[in-house]
Amino acid sequence: MSDSVRTAHTSELPPRTLDAIRAMLDTAFDGDFGDEDWDHGLGGVHAWIRDERGVAAHGSVIMRRVAHAGRSHRIGYVEAVAVRPDRRRQGLGGRVMAALEEVIDGAYAFGALSASDEGAELYRGRGWQLWNGRIEAYGPKGTVHLPDEEDSTYLRPALGRPLPEAESGALVFDWRDGDVL
């Protein structure tokens, strides 16, 4: 099997492929990838790489709404990015991200993601910028401040479009169960 990047919408993937992706994510995150995390990565475009052992790398981009400075933006939110432990540091994560960034460039105002400490270097190296402002979400009981996300949320302009400016107000994300970002 080749190491080429494949892309498809969740609706186009057979259960066996989704099961293989989920199993790799469980392994890559050392058992710290729950059902809500999996759910967050569904409903958008997946990019993955297979090798002779199965799924070696994966990421997905889903549509989310973010309000900023009185405007609602349709953004590409990156989820479930991981590389199987035996294939790390071989450029697979960058190749998956390149495919997801093409989707963002073609369909969204900008990209966003929440980076782990381990993943932040990959994203910074690809031009993703740390958001230096306030992060909030529309919760079931009103707007909620998410201070823990303010040091891990990265944005990427789509095709050179401008990014929101932190001085103009908070990024307010749509709500979802589990980790909001």
N, C-alpha and C. Protein backbone atom coordinates (compact mmCIF):
# COMPACT_ATOMS: atom_id res chain seq x y z
N MET A 1 0.83 -1.19 0.00
CA MET A 1 0.00 0.00 0.00
C MET A 1 0.88 1.25 0.00
N SER A 2 0.42 2.26 -0.70
CA SER A 2 1.22 3.47 -0.78
C SER A 2 0.95 4.38 0.42
N ASP A 3 1.83 5.33 0.58
CA ASP A 3 1.68 6.33 1.63
C ASP A 3 1.02 7.59 1.08
N SER A 4 0.16 7.48 0.07
CA SER A 4 -0.49 8.66 -0.48
C SER A 4 -1.61 9.11 0.46
N VAL A 5 -1.86 10.41 0.45
CA VAL A 5 -2.93 10.97 1.27
C VAL A 5 -4.25 10.79 0.54
N ARG A 6 -5.22 10.27 1.24
CA ARG A 6 -6.57 10.12 0.70
C ARG A 6 -7.47 11.10 1.42
N THR A 7 -8.49 11.57 0.74
CA THR A 7 -9.47 12.45 1.36
C THR A 7 -10.87 11.99 0.99
N ALA A 8 -11.79 12.15 1.94
CA ALA A 8 -13.19 11.83 1.69
C ALA A 8 -14.02 12.41 2.82
N HIS A 9 -15.27 12.71 2.50
CA HIS A 9 -16.22 13.14 3.52
C HIS A 9 -16.62 11.93 4.36
N THR A 10 -16.97 12.18 5.61
CA THR A 10 -17.41 11.09 6.49
C THR A 10 -18.46 10.22 5.82
N SER A 11 -19.41 10.83 5.14
CA SER A 11 -20.51 10.08 4.51
C SER A 11 -20.04 9.12 3.43
N GLU A 12 -18.83 9.33 2.90
CA GLU A 12 -18.30 8.48 1.85
C GLU A 12 -17.46 7.31 2.37
N LEU A 13 -17.21 7.29 3.67
CA LEU A 13 -16.32 6.28 4.24
C LEU A 13 -17.10 5.08 4.75
N PRO A 14 -16.70 3.88 4.34
CA PRO A 14 -17.37 2.68 4.84
C PRO A 14 -17.03 2.47 6.32
N PRO A 15 -17.89 1.75 7.03
CA PRO A 15 -17.64 1.50 8.46
C PRO A 15 -16.26 0.92 8.75
N ARG A 16 -15.75 0.05 7.91
CA ARG A 16 -14.43 -0.56 8.18
C ARG A 16 -13.32 0.49 8.15
N THR A 17 -13.44 1.48 7.28
CA THR A 17 -12.43 2.55 7.23
C THR A 17 -12.54 3.44 8.46
N LEU A 18 -13.77 3.80 8.82
CA LEU A 18 -13.97 4.60 10.04
C LEU A 18 -13.47 3.85 11.27
N ASP A 19 -13.73 2.55 11.34
CA ASP A 19 -13.26 1.75 12.47
C ASP A 19 -11.73 1.72 12.53
N ALA A 20 -11.09 1.61 11.37
CA ALA A 20 -9.62 1.59 11.32
C ALA A 20 -9.04 2.94 11.75
N ILE A 21 -9.67 4.02 11.32
CA ILE A 21 -9.21 5.35 11.73
C ILE A 21 -9.36 5.51 13.23
N ARG A 22 -10.52 5.14 13.75
CA ARG A 22 -10.76 5.26 15.20
C ARG A 22 -9.75 4.43 15.99
N ALA A 23 -9.47 3.22 15.55
CA ALA A 23 -8.51 2.37 16.26
C ALA A 23 -7.13 3.01 16.28
N MET A 24 -6.70 3.60 15.15
CA MET A 24 -5.40 4.28 15.12
C MET A 24 -5.39 5.46 16.07
N LEU A 25 -6.48 6.24 16.11
CA LEU A 25 -6.55 7.39 17.01
C LEU A 25 -6.48 6.94 18.47
N ASP A 26 -7.15 5.85 18.81
CA ASP A 26 -7.07 5.32 20.17
C ASP A 26 -5.63 4.97 20.52
N THR A 27 -4.92 4.35 19.59
CA THR A 27 -3.51 3.99 19.82
C THR A 27 -2.64 5.24 19.91
N ALA A 28 -2.80 6.15 18.96
CA ALA A 28 -1.95 7.34 18.91
C ALA A 28 -2.11 8.23 20.14
N PHE A 29 -3.33 8.29 20.67
CA PHE A 29 -3.58 9.12 21.86
C PHE A 29 -3.46 8.31 23.15
N ASP A 30 -2.90 7.10 23.03
CA ASP A 30 -2.63 6.25 24.20
C ASP A 30 -3.87 6.06 25.07
N GLY A 31 -5.01 5.82 24.43
CA GLY A 31 -6.25 5.57 25.15
C GLY A 31 -6.98 6.82 25.62
N ASP A 32 -6.45 8.00 25.33
CA ASP A 32 -7.07 9.26 25.77
C ASP A 32 -7.81 9.94 24.62
N PHE A 33 -8.57 9.15 23.88
CA PHE A 33 -9.37 9.66 22.77
C PHE A 33 -10.75 9.05 22.92
N GLY A 34 -11.68 9.83 23.47
CA GLY A 34 -12.99 9.31 23.83
C GLY A 34 -14.02 9.43 22.71
N ASP A 35 -15.22 8.97 23.03
CA ASP A 35 -16.31 8.99 22.06
C ASP A 35 -16.67 10.41 21.63
N GLU A 36 -16.63 11.38 22.55
CA GLU A 36 -16.93 12.77 22.17
C GLU A 36 -15.84 13.31 21.26
N ASP A 37 -14.58 12.95 21.53
CA ASP A 37 -13.49 13.38 20.64
C ASP A 37 -13.71 12.83 19.23
N TRP A 38 -14.09 11.57 19.15
CA TRP A 38 -14.37 10.94 17.86
C TRP A 38 -15.53 11.65 17.16
N ASP A 39 -16.59 11.90 17.89
CA ASP A 39 -17.75 12.58 17.33
C ASP A 39 -17.37 13.95 16.76
N HIS A 40 -16.48 14.66 17.43
CA HIS A 40 -16.07 15.99 16.97
C HIS A 40 -15.37 15.94 15.61
N GLY A 41 -14.74 14.82 15.31
CA GLY A 41 -14.02 14.71 14.05
C GLY A 41 -14.85 14.20 12.88
N LEU A 42 -16.12 13.92 13.13
CA LEU A 42 -16.99 13.39 12.07
C LEU A 42 -17.84 14.49 11.44
N GLY A 43 -18.30 14.24 10.22
CA GLY A 43 -19.19 15.18 9.53
C GLY A 43 -18.48 16.16 8.63
N GLY A 44 -17.20 15.94 8.43
CA GLY A 44 -16.44 16.81 7.55
C GLY A 44 -15.57 15.98 6.62
N VAL A 45 -14.47 16.56 6.20
CA VAL A 45 -13.54 15.90 5.28
C VAL A 45 -12.39 15.30 6.08
N HIS A 46 -12.14 14.03 5.84
CA HIS A 46 -11.03 13.31 6.47
C HIS A 46 -9.86 13.25 5.50
N ALA A 47 -8.66 13.34 6.03
CA ALA A 47 -7.44 13.07 5.26
C ALA A 47 -6.68 11.99 6.04
N TRP A 48 -6.25 10.95 5.35
CA TRP A 48 -5.55 9.88 6.04
C TRP A 48 -4.55 9.22 5.11
N ILE A 49 -3.60 8.54 5.74
CA ILE A 49 -2.56 7.81 5.03
C ILE A 49 -2.56 6.38 5.54
N ARG A 50 -2.54 5.44 4.60
CA ARG A 50 -2.44 4.02 4.95
C ARG A 50 -1.05 3.52 4.56
N ASP A 51 -0.57 2.56 5.30
CA ASP A 51 0.63 1.83 4.93
C ASP A 51 0.34 0.35 5.07
N GLU A 52 1.36 -0.47 5.02
CA GLU A 52 1.15 -1.92 5.07
C GLU A 52 0.55 -2.39 6.40
N ARG A 53 0.61 -1.56 7.44
CA ARG A 53 0.06 -1.92 8.75
C ARG A 53 -1.32 -1.34 9.00
N GLY A 54 -1.84 -0.53 8.09
CA GLY A 54 -3.15 0.08 8.27
C GLY A 54 -3.07 1.60 8.23
N VAL A 55 -3.97 2.25 8.95
CA VAL A 55 -3.99 3.72 8.97
C VAL A 55 -2.77 4.20 9.76
N ALA A 56 -1.97 5.03 9.12
CA ALA A 56 -0.74 5.54 9.74
C ALA A 56 -0.90 6.97 10.24
N ALA A 57 -1.80 7.75 9.63
CA ALA A 57 -2.00 9.15 10.01
C ALA A 57 -3.40 9.57 9.61
N HIS A 58 -3.93 10.56 10.34
CA HIS A 58 -5.30 11.02 10.08
C HIS A 58 -5.49 12.43 10.61
N GLY A 59 -6.41 13.13 10.00
CA GLY A 59 -6.93 14.40 10.49
C GLY A 59 -8.23 14.67 9.77
N SER A 60 -9.06 15.51 10.34
CA SER A 60 -10.30 15.90 9.66
C SER A 60 -10.53 17.38 9.87
N VAL A 61 -11.31 17.95 8.98
CA VAL A 61 -11.71 19.34 9.09
C VAL A 61 -13.24 19.38 9.01
N ILE A 62 -13.84 20.03 9.99
CA ILE A 62 -15.29 20.14 10.05
C ILE A 62 -15.68 21.61 10.04
N MET A 63 -16.92 21.88 9.69
CA MET A 63 -17.41 23.25 9.70
C MET A 63 -17.88 23.62 11.10
N ARG A 64 -17.45 24.80 11.54
CA ARG A 64 -17.95 25.36 12.80
C ARG A 64 -18.27 26.82 12.56
N ARG A 65 -19.03 27.39 13.48
CA ARG A 65 -19.34 28.83 13.45
C ARG A 65 -18.58 29.51 14.58
N VAL A 66 -17.98 30.65 14.25
CA VAL A 66 -17.28 31.47 15.22
C VAL A 66 -17.73 32.91 15.03
N ALA A 67 -18.17 33.52 16.11
CA ALA A 67 -18.54 34.94 16.06
C ALA A 67 -17.35 35.77 16.50
N HIS A 68 -17.18 36.90 15.83
CA HIS A 68 -16.12 37.84 16.19
C HIS A 68 -16.50 39.22 15.69
N ALA A 69 -16.45 40.19 16.58
CA ALA A 69 -16.69 41.59 16.23
C ALA A 69 -18.01 41.77 15.47
N GLY A 70 -19.06 41.11 15.95
CA GLY A 70 -20.38 41.28 15.36
C GLY A 70 -20.64 40.52 14.08
N ARG A 71 -19.76 39.61 13.73
CA ARG A 71 -19.91 38.84 12.49
C ARG A 71 -19.75 37.36 12.78
N SER A 72 -20.54 36.53 12.12
CA SER A 72 -20.42 35.08 12.24
C SER A 72 -19.61 34.56 11.06
N HIS A 73 -18.59 33.77 11.36
CA HIS A 73 -17.72 33.20 10.34
C HIS A 73 -17.92 31.70 10.24
N ARG A 74 -17.92 31.19 9.02
CA ARG A 74 -17.93 29.75 8.78
C ARG A 74 -16.46 29.35 8.65
N ILE A 75 -15.99 28.54 9.61
CA ILE A 75 -14.57 28.20 9.62
C ILE A 75 -14.36 26.69 9.48
N GLY A 76 -13.17 26.33 9.06
CA GLY A 76 -12.74 24.93 9.03
C GLY A 76 -12.00 24.63 10.31
N TYR A 77 -12.57 23.76 11.13
CA TYR A 77 -11.96 23.42 12.42
C TYR A 77 -11.30 22.05 12.30
N VAL A 78 -10.03 21.99 12.60
CA VAL A 78 -9.24 20.77 12.45
C VAL A 78 -9.37 19.91 13.70
N GLU A 79 -9.64 18.64 13.49
CA GLU A 79 -9.85 17.67 14.57
C GLU A 79 -9.09 16.38 14.31
N ALA A 80 -8.89 15.62 15.37
CA ALA A 80 -8.44 14.22 15.30
C ALA A 80 -7.18 14.04 14.46
N VAL A 81 -6.20 14.92 14.66
CA VAL A 81 -4.93 14.80 13.95
C VAL A 81 -4.00 13.92 14.79
N ALA A 82 -3.52 12.86 14.18
CA ALA A 82 -2.60 11.96 14.89
C ALA A 82 -1.83 11.13 13.88
N VAL A 83 -0.67 10.69 14.33
CA VAL A 83 0.17 9.77 13.57
C VAL A 83 0.45 8.57 14.46
N ARG A 84 0.34 7.39 13.89
CA ARG A 84 0.62 6.17 14.64
C ARG A 84 2.05 6.25 15.21
N PRO A 85 2.26 5.82 16.43
CA PRO A 85 3.57 5.99 17.07
C PRO A 85 4.77 5.51 16.26
N ASP A 86 4.65 4.41 15.54
CA ASP A 86 5.80 3.89 14.79
C ASP A 86 6.09 4.67 13.51
N ARG A 87 5.23 5.63 13.15
CA ARG A 87 5.42 6.42 11.92
C ARG A 87 5.64 7.90 12.21
N ARG A 88 5.81 8.27 13.46
CA ARG A 88 6.02 9.68 13.81
C ARG A 88 7.38 10.17 13.32
N ARG A 89 7.44 11.48 13.10
CA ARG A 89 8.65 12.18 12.66
C ARG A 89 9.10 11.76 11.26
N GLN A 90 8.11 11.40 10.42
CA GLN A 90 8.41 11.02 9.04
C GLN A 90 7.66 11.93 8.05
N GLY A 91 7.07 13.01 8.52
CA GLY A 91 6.38 13.96 7.65
C GLY A 91 4.93 13.64 7.36
N LEU A 92 4.39 12.58 7.94
CA LEU A 92 3.00 12.22 7.65
C LEU A 92 2.01 13.25 8.18
N GLY A 93 2.26 13.77 9.38
CA GLY A 93 1.37 14.79 9.94
C GLY A 93 1.30 16.02 9.05
N GLY A 94 2.44 16.44 8.53
CA GLY A 94 2.47 17.59 7.62
C GLY A 94 1.71 17.32 6.33
N ARG A 95 1.80 16.11 5.83
CA ARG A 95 1.08 15.76 4.60
C ARG A 95 -0.42 15.74 4.83
N VAL A 96 -0.85 15.22 5.97
CA VAL A 96 -2.28 15.25 6.31
C VAL A 96 -2.74 16.69 6.45
N MET A 97 -1.96 17.50 7.15
CA MET A 97 -2.34 18.90 7.34
C MET A 97 -2.41 19.64 6.01
N ALA A 98 -1.50 19.37 5.08
CA ALA A 98 -1.54 20.04 3.78
C ALA A 98 -2.87 19.75 3.07
N ALA A 99 -3.34 18.51 3.15
CA ALA A 99 -4.63 18.17 2.52
C ALA A 99 -5.78 18.90 3.21
N LEU A 100 -5.74 18.97 4.53
CA LEU A 100 -6.80 19.68 5.26
C LEU A 100 -6.77 21.18 4.99
N GLU A 101 -5.58 21.73 4.86
CA GLU A 101 -5.45 23.16 4.56
C GLU A 101 -6.01 23.50 3.19
N GLU A 102 -5.89 22.57 2.23
CA GLU A 102 -6.51 22.78 0.91
C GLU A 102 -8.02 22.88 1.04
N VAL A 103 -8.61 22.05 1.89
CA VAL A 103 -10.05 22.11 2.12
C VAL A 103 -10.41 23.46 2.75
N ILE A 104 -9.65 23.88 3.75
CA ILE A 104 -9.90 25.17 4.41
C ILE A 104 -9.81 26.30 3.39
N ASP A 105 -8.77 26.30 2.56
CA ASP A 105 -8.59 27.35 1.57
C ASP A 105 -9.76 27.42 0.59
N GLY A 106 -10.34 26.29 0.26
CA GLY A 106 -11.40 26.26 -0.73
C GLY A 106 -12.80 26.48 -0.18
N ALA A 107 -12.97 26.37 1.14
CA ALA A 107 -14.34 26.37 1.65
C ALA A 107 -14.62 27.27 2.84
N TYR A 108 -13.61 27.83 3.48
CA TYR A 108 -13.84 28.52 4.75
C TYR A 108 -13.16 29.88 4.82
N ALA A 109 -13.63 30.69 5.76
CA ALA A 109 -13.05 32.02 5.97
C ALA A 109 -11.64 31.92 6.55
N PHE A 110 -11.45 30.96 7.47
CA PHE A 110 -10.13 30.68 8.03
C PHE A 110 -10.19 29.34 8.73
N GLY A 111 -9.03 28.86 9.14
CA GLY A 111 -8.94 27.60 9.88
C GLY A 111 -8.68 27.87 11.34
N ALA A 112 -9.09 26.92 12.18
CA ALA A 112 -8.82 26.99 13.62
C ALA A 112 -8.59 25.58 14.15
N LEU A 113 -7.86 25.51 15.23
CA LEU A 113 -7.63 24.24 15.91
C LEU A 113 -7.15 24.50 17.32
N SER A 114 -7.26 23.49 18.15
CA SER A 114 -6.71 23.54 19.50
C SER A 114 -5.55 22.56 19.53
N ALA A 115 -4.35 23.06 19.80
CA ALA A 115 -3.14 22.24 19.72
C ALA A 115 -2.70 21.75 21.09
N SER A 116 -2.28 20.50 21.12
CA SER A 116 -1.59 19.98 22.30
C SER A 116 -0.18 20.56 22.30
N ASP A 117 0.50 20.45 23.41
CA ASP A 117 1.89 20.91 23.46
C ASP A 117 2.74 20.19 22.42
N GLU A 118 2.47 18.88 22.23
CA GLU A 118 3.24 18.08 21.27
C GLU A 118 2.95 18.49 19.84
N GLY A 119 1.73 18.91 19.54
CA GLY A 119 1.35 19.24 18.17
C GLY A 119 1.62 20.67 17.75
N ALA A 120 1.80 21.56 18.73
CA ALA A 120 1.92 22.99 18.41
C ALA A 120 3.06 23.29 17.44
N GLU A 121 4.17 22.60 17.57
CA GLU A 121 5.31 22.85 16.69
C GLU A 121 4.96 22.58 15.22
N LEU A 122 4.24 21.50 14.97
CA LEU A 122 3.81 21.19 13.60
C LEU A 122 2.98 22.32 13.03
N TYR A 123 2.01 22.79 13.80
CA TYR A 123 1.11 23.83 13.29
C TYR A 123 1.83 25.16 13.09
N ARG A 124 2.64 25.56 14.06
CA ARG A 124 3.41 26.81 13.90
C ARG A 124 4.29 26.75 12.66
N GLY A 125 4.92 25.61 12.44
CA GLY A 125 5.79 25.44 11.28
C GLY A 125 5.05 25.52 9.96
N ARG A 126 3.75 25.33 9.99
CA ARG A 126 2.93 25.40 8.78
C ARG A 126 2.23 26.75 8.65
N GLY A 127 2.57 27.71 9.51
CA GLY A 127 2.01 29.05 9.40
C GLY A 127 0.77 29.31 10.23
N TRP A 128 0.38 28.36 11.07
CA TRP A 128 -0.74 28.60 11.98
C TRP A 128 -0.27 29.56 13.06
N GLN A 129 -1.16 30.47 13.46
CA GLN A 129 -0.79 31.53 14.41
C GLN A 129 -1.57 31.39 15.70
N LEU A 130 -0.86 31.48 16.81
CA LEU A 130 -1.52 31.43 18.12
C LEU A 130 -2.44 32.64 18.27
N TRP A 131 -3.68 32.39 18.65
CA TRP A 131 -4.64 33.46 18.90
C TRP A 131 -4.26 34.11 20.23
N ASN A 132 -4.09 35.41 20.21
CA ASN A 132 -3.65 36.13 21.40
C ASN A 132 -4.78 36.90 22.05
N GLY A 133 -5.98 36.39 21.97
CA GLY A 133 -7.12 37.08 22.55
C GLY A 133 -7.99 36.14 23.37
N ARG A 134 -9.14 36.65 23.71
CA ARG A 134 -10.09 35.92 24.55
C ARG A 134 -10.83 34.86 23.73
N ILE A 135 -11.10 33.72 24.37
CA ILE A 135 -11.86 32.63 23.76
C ILE A 135 -13.12 32.41 24.60
N GLU A 136 -14.26 32.34 23.90
CA GLU A 136 -15.54 32.09 24.56
C GLU A 136 -16.32 31.09 23.73
N ALA A 137 -17.43 30.62 24.29
CA ALA A 137 -18.34 29.74 23.56
C ALA A 137 -19.76 30.05 23.97
N TYR A 138 -20.68 29.87 23.02
CA TYR A 138 -22.10 30.01 23.33
C TYR A 138 -22.54 28.73 24.02
N GLY A 139 -22.73 28.78 25.33
CA GLY A 139 -23.12 27.61 26.09
C GLY A 139 -24.62 27.52 26.27
N PRO A 140 -25.09 26.39 26.80
CA PRO A 140 -26.53 26.22 27.03
C PRO A 140 -27.12 27.26 27.98
N LYS A 141 -26.28 27.84 28.82
CA LYS A 141 -26.75 28.85 29.77
C LYS A 141 -26.17 30.23 29.49
N GLY A 142 -25.75 30.45 28.27
CA GLY A 142 -25.18 31.74 27.91
C GLY A 142 -23.72 31.61 27.52
N THR A 143 -23.10 32.74 27.25
CA THR A 143 -21.71 32.75 26.81
C THR A 143 -20.78 32.40 27.97
N VAL A 144 -19.81 31.53 27.68
CA VAL A 144 -18.88 31.02 28.68
C VAL A 144 -17.46 31.38 28.26
N HIS A 145 -16.68 31.93 29.19
CA HIS A 145 -15.27 32.21 28.96
C HIS A 145 -14.49 30.90 29.06
N LEU A 146 -13.55 30.67 28.14
CA LEU A 146 -12.73 29.45 28.12
C LEU A 146 -11.25 29.82 28.25
N PRO A 147 -10.82 30.26 29.43
CA PRO A 147 -9.44 30.73 29.57
C PRO A 147 -8.39 29.65 29.30
N ASP A 148 -8.71 28.39 29.55
CA ASP A 148 -7.73 27.32 29.31
C ASP A 148 -7.43 27.12 27.83
N GLU A 149 -8.28 27.63 26.96
CA GLU A 149 -8.07 27.48 25.51
C GLU A 149 -7.27 28.64 24.92
N GLU A 150 -7.01 29.66 25.72
CA GLU A 150 -6.39 30.86 25.18
C GLU A 150 -4.89 30.71 24.92
N ASP A 151 -4.30 29.63 25.36
CA ASP A 151 -2.89 29.42 25.05
C ASP A 151 -2.67 28.23 24.11
N SER A 152 -3.76 27.74 23.52
CA SER A 152 -3.63 26.58 22.63
C SER A 152 -4.45 26.67 21.36
N THR A 153 -5.11 27.80 21.11
CA THR A 153 -5.95 27.96 19.92
C THR A 153 -5.14 28.65 18.82
N TYR A 154 -5.08 27.99 17.68
CA TYR A 154 -4.32 28.49 16.55
C TYR A 154 -5.28 28.76 15.39
N LEU A 155 -4.95 29.79 14.60
CA LEU A 155 -5.72 30.17 13.42
C LEU A 155 -4.81 30.17 12.21
N ARG A 156 -5.42 29.97 11.04
CA ARG A 156 -4.69 30.03 9.78
C ARG A 156 -5.56 30.72 8.75
N PRO A 157 -5.02 31.76 8.11
CA PRO A 157 -5.81 32.42 7.07
C PRO A 157 -6.06 31.48 5.90
N ALA A 158 -7.21 31.59 5.29
CA ALA A 158 -7.54 30.81 4.10
C ALA A 158 -7.26 31.66 2.88
N LEU A 159 -6.35 31.19 2.03
CA LEU A 159 -5.99 31.89 0.79
C LEU A 159 -5.68 33.36 1.02
N GLY A 160 -4.97 33.67 2.09
CA GLY A 160 -4.57 35.04 2.34
C GLY A 160 -5.64 35.96 2.87
N ARG A 161 -6.83 35.43 3.15
CA ARG A 161 -7.88 36.27 3.73
C ARG A 161 -7.41 36.72 5.11
N PRO A 162 -7.86 37.88 5.57
CA PRO A 162 -7.40 38.36 6.88
C PRO A 162 -7.98 37.53 8.03
N LEU A 163 -7.20 37.41 9.06
CA LEU A 163 -7.67 36.76 10.29
C LEU A 163 -8.33 37.80 11.18
N PRO A 164 -9.21 37.37 12.07
CA PRO A 164 -9.76 38.30 13.06
C PRO A 164 -8.63 38.90 13.90
N GLU A 165 -8.86 40.09 14.40
CA GLU A 165 -7.86 40.75 15.26
C GLU A 165 -8.29 40.64 16.71
N ALA A 166 -7.37 40.21 17.57
CA ALA A 166 -7.68 40.01 18.99
C ALA A 166 -8.16 41.31 19.64
N GLU A 167 -7.65 42.43 19.17
CA GLU A 167 -8.04 43.72 19.75
C GLU A 167 -9.51 44.05 19.50
N SER A 168 -10.12 43.38 18.52
CA SER A 168 -11.51 43.66 18.16
C SER A 168 -12.52 42.83 18.93
N GLY A 169 -12.06 41.94 19.82
CA GLY A 169 -12.98 41.15 20.64
C GLY A 169 -12.65 39.67 20.66
N ALA A 170 -13.43 38.96 21.42
CA ALA A 170 -13.24 37.53 21.61
C ALA A 170 -13.66 36.74 20.38
N LEU A 171 -13.09 35.55 20.25
CA LEU A 171 -13.62 34.55 19.34
C LEU A 171 -14.65 33.78 20.15
N VAL A 172 -15.87 33.69 19.63
CA VAL A 172 -16.94 32.99 20.34
C VAL A 172 -17.37 31.79 19.49
N PHE A 173 -17.01 30.61 19.96
CA PHE A 173 -17.26 29.37 19.22
C PHE A 173 -18.66 28.83 19.52
N ASP A 174 -19.17 28.04 18.58
CA ASP A 174 -20.41 27.30 18.80
C ASP A 174 -20.17 26.25 19.89
N TRP A 175 -21.24 25.87 20.58
CA TRP A 175 -21.15 24.93 21.69
C TRP A 175 -21.21 23.49 21.18
N ARG A 176 -20.57 22.60 21.90
CA ARG A 176 -20.70 21.17 21.67
C ARG A 176 -20.34 20.44 22.95
N ASP A 177 -20.82 19.23 23.08
CA ASP A 177 -20.53 18.42 24.28
C ASP A 177 -19.05 18.06 24.30
N GLY A 178 -18.54 17.76 25.48
CA GLY A 178 -17.14 17.42 25.63
C GLY A 178 -16.29 18.66 25.57
N ASP A 179 -15.08 18.51 25.06
CA ASP A 179 -14.19 19.67 24.89
C ASP A 179 -14.77 20.58 23.82
N VAL A 180 -15.06 21.81 24.18
CA VAL A 180 -15.64 22.75 23.21
C VAL A 180 -14.62 23.03 22.10
N LEU A 181 -13.35 23.12 22.48
CA LEU A 181 -12.26 23.28 21.48
C LEU A 181 -11.31 22.11 21.59
